[in-house]
Amino acid sequence: MAKDTQEQNIKDLSPEELNLRIHEAREKLFNLKFSNKTAKLKNPLEIRKIRREIARLLTAAKAKK
């Protein structure tokens, strides 16, 4: 159920908001990857979650065009 509401929230965002969220997610992914290289992360699955979030955001952004 939470996944459905998250997808609905993404679909309701404006293109500018989508681009902002994509940029923030990419920065977070970069920082997580950097942290993982220097020291092990407590939760390495976080990288996968962020990658998938970016994919969802990009899909929604392309659908709006």
C-alpha atoms as a PDB file:
ATOM      1  CA  MET A   1       0.000   0.000   0.000  1.00  0.00           C
ATOM      2  CA  ALA A   2       2.796   2.442   0.822  1.00  0.00           C
ATOM      3  CA  LYS A   3       4.386   1.791  -2.549  1.00  0.00           C
ATOM      4  CA  ASP A   4       1.155   2.804  -4.322  1.00  0.00           C
ATOM      5  CA  THR A   5       0.993   6.109  -2.461  1.00  0.00           C
ATOM      6  CA  GLN A   6       4.670   6.776  -3.177  1.00  0.00           C
ATOM      7  CA  GLU A   7       4.119   6.167  -6.892  1.00  0.00           C
ATOM      8  CA  GLN A   8       1.058   8.418  -6.831  1.00  0.00           C
ATOM      9  CA  ASN A   9       3.055  11.168  -5.103  1.00  0.00           C
ATOM     10  CA  ILE A  10       5.762  10.942  -7.768  1.00  0.00           C
ATOM     11  CA  LYS A  11       3.173  11.203 -10.547  1.00  0.00           C
ATOM     12  CA  ASP A  12       1.697  14.328  -8.948  1.00  0.00           C
ATOM     13  CA  LEU A  13       5.006  16.229  -8.896  1.00  0.00           C
ATOM     14  CA  SER A  14       5.692  19.002 -11.383  1.00  0.00           C
ATOM     15  CA  PRO A  15       8.613  18.612 -13.828  1.00  0.00           C
ATOM     16  CA  GLU A  16      10.684  21.109 -11.814  1.00  0.00           C
ATOM     17  CA  GLU A  17      10.076  19.194  -8.592  1.00  0.00           C
ATOM     18  CA  LEU A  18      10.959  15.927 -10.332  1.00  0.00           C
ATOM     19  CA  ASN A  19      14.244  17.383 -11.572  1.00  0.00           C
ATOM     20  CA  LEU A  20      15.052  18.648  -8.085  1.00  0.00           C
ATOM     21  CA  ARG A  21      14.334  15.239  -6.511  1.00  0.00           C
ATOM     22  CA  ILE A  22      16.415  13.501  -9.213  1.00  0.00           C
ATOM     23  CA  HIS A  23      19.331  15.833  -8.506  1.00  0.00           C
ATOM     24  CA  GLU A  24      19.068  15.255  -4.740  1.00  0.00           C
ATOM     25  CA  ALA A  25      18.860  11.486  -5.180  1.00  0.00           C
ATOM     26  CA  ARG A  26      21.903  11.457  -7.464  1.00  0.00           C
ATOM     27  CA  GLU A  27      23.892  13.446  -4.898  1.00  0.00           C
ATOM     28  CA  LYS A  28      22.841  11.015  -2.170  1.00  0.00           C
ATOM     29  CA  LEU A  29      23.831   8.059  -4.366  1.00  0.00           C
ATOM     30  CA  PHE A  30      27.243   9.611  -5.032  1.00  0.00           C
ATOM     31  CA  ASN A  31      27.820  10.151  -1.312  1.00  0.00           C
ATOM     32  CA  LEU A  32      26.742   6.609  -0.469  1.00  0.00           C
ATOM     33  CA  LYS A  33      29.028   5.109  -3.105  1.00  0.00           C
ATOM     34  CA  PHE A  34      31.916   7.244  -1.876  1.00  0.00           C
ATOM     35  CA  SER A  35      31.270   6.217   1.726  1.00  0.00           C
ATOM     36  CA  ASN A  36      31.078   2.581   0.679  1.00  0.00           C
ATOM     37  CA  LYS A  37      34.501   2.800  -0.978  1.00  0.00           C
ATOM     38  CA  THR A  38      36.186   4.432   2.000  1.00  0.00           C
ATOM     39  CA  ALA A  39      34.428   2.433   4.729  1.00  0.00           C
ATOM     40  CA  LYS A  40      31.739  -0.202   4.764  1.00  0.00           C
ATOM     41  CA  LEU A  41      28.187   1.071   5.013  1.00  0.00           C
ATOM     42  CA  LYS A  42      25.923  -0.146   7.782  1.00  0.00           C
ATOM     43  CA  ASN A  43      23.224  -0.840   5.197  1.00  0.00           C
ATOM     44  CA  PRO A  44      24.641  -1.389   1.681  1.00  0.00           C
ATOM     45  CA  LEU A  45      21.130  -2.047   0.339  1.00  0.00           C
ATOM     46  CA  GLU A  46      20.555   1.689   0.643  1.00  0.00           C
ATOM     47  CA  ILE A  47      22.495   2.114  -2.626  1.00  0.00           C
ATOM     48  CA  ARG A  48      20.028  -0.155  -4.428  1.00  0.00           C
ATOM     49  CA  LYS A  49      17.050   1.701  -2.957  1.00  0.00           C
ATOM     50  CA  ILE A  50      18.386   5.059  -4.149  1.00  0.00           C
ATOM     51  CA  ARG A  51      19.144   3.695  -7.639  1.00  0.00           C
ATOM     52  CA  ARG A  52      15.586   2.429  -7.926  1.00  0.00           C
ATOM     53  CA  GLU A  53      14.184   5.717  -6.659  1.00  0.00           C
ATOM     54  CA  ILE A  54      16.168   7.547  -9.353  1.00  0.00           C
ATOM     55  CA  ALA A  55      14.777   5.163 -11.978  1.00  0.00           C
ATOM     56  CA  ARG A  56      11.212   5.814 -10.801  1.00  0.00           C
ATOM     57  CA  LEU A  57      11.757   9.562 -10.867  1.00  0.00           C
ATOM     58  CA  LEU A  58      13.312   9.461 -14.339  1.00  0.00           C
ATOM     59  CA  THR A  59      10.432   7.337 -15.631  1.00  0.00           C
ATOM     60  CA  ALA A  60       7.900   9.827 -14.271  1.00  0.00           C
ATOM     61  CA  ALA A  61       9.874  12.751 -15.727  1.00  0.00           C
ATOM     62  CA  LYS A  62       9.943  11.187 -19.193  1.00  0.00           C
ATOM     63  CA  ALA A  63       6.223  10.415 -19.011  1.00  0.00           C
ATOM     64  CA  LYS A  64       5.516  14.105 -18.357  1.00  0.00           C
ATOM     65  CA  LYS A  65       7.349  15.193 -21.529  1.00  0.00           C
END
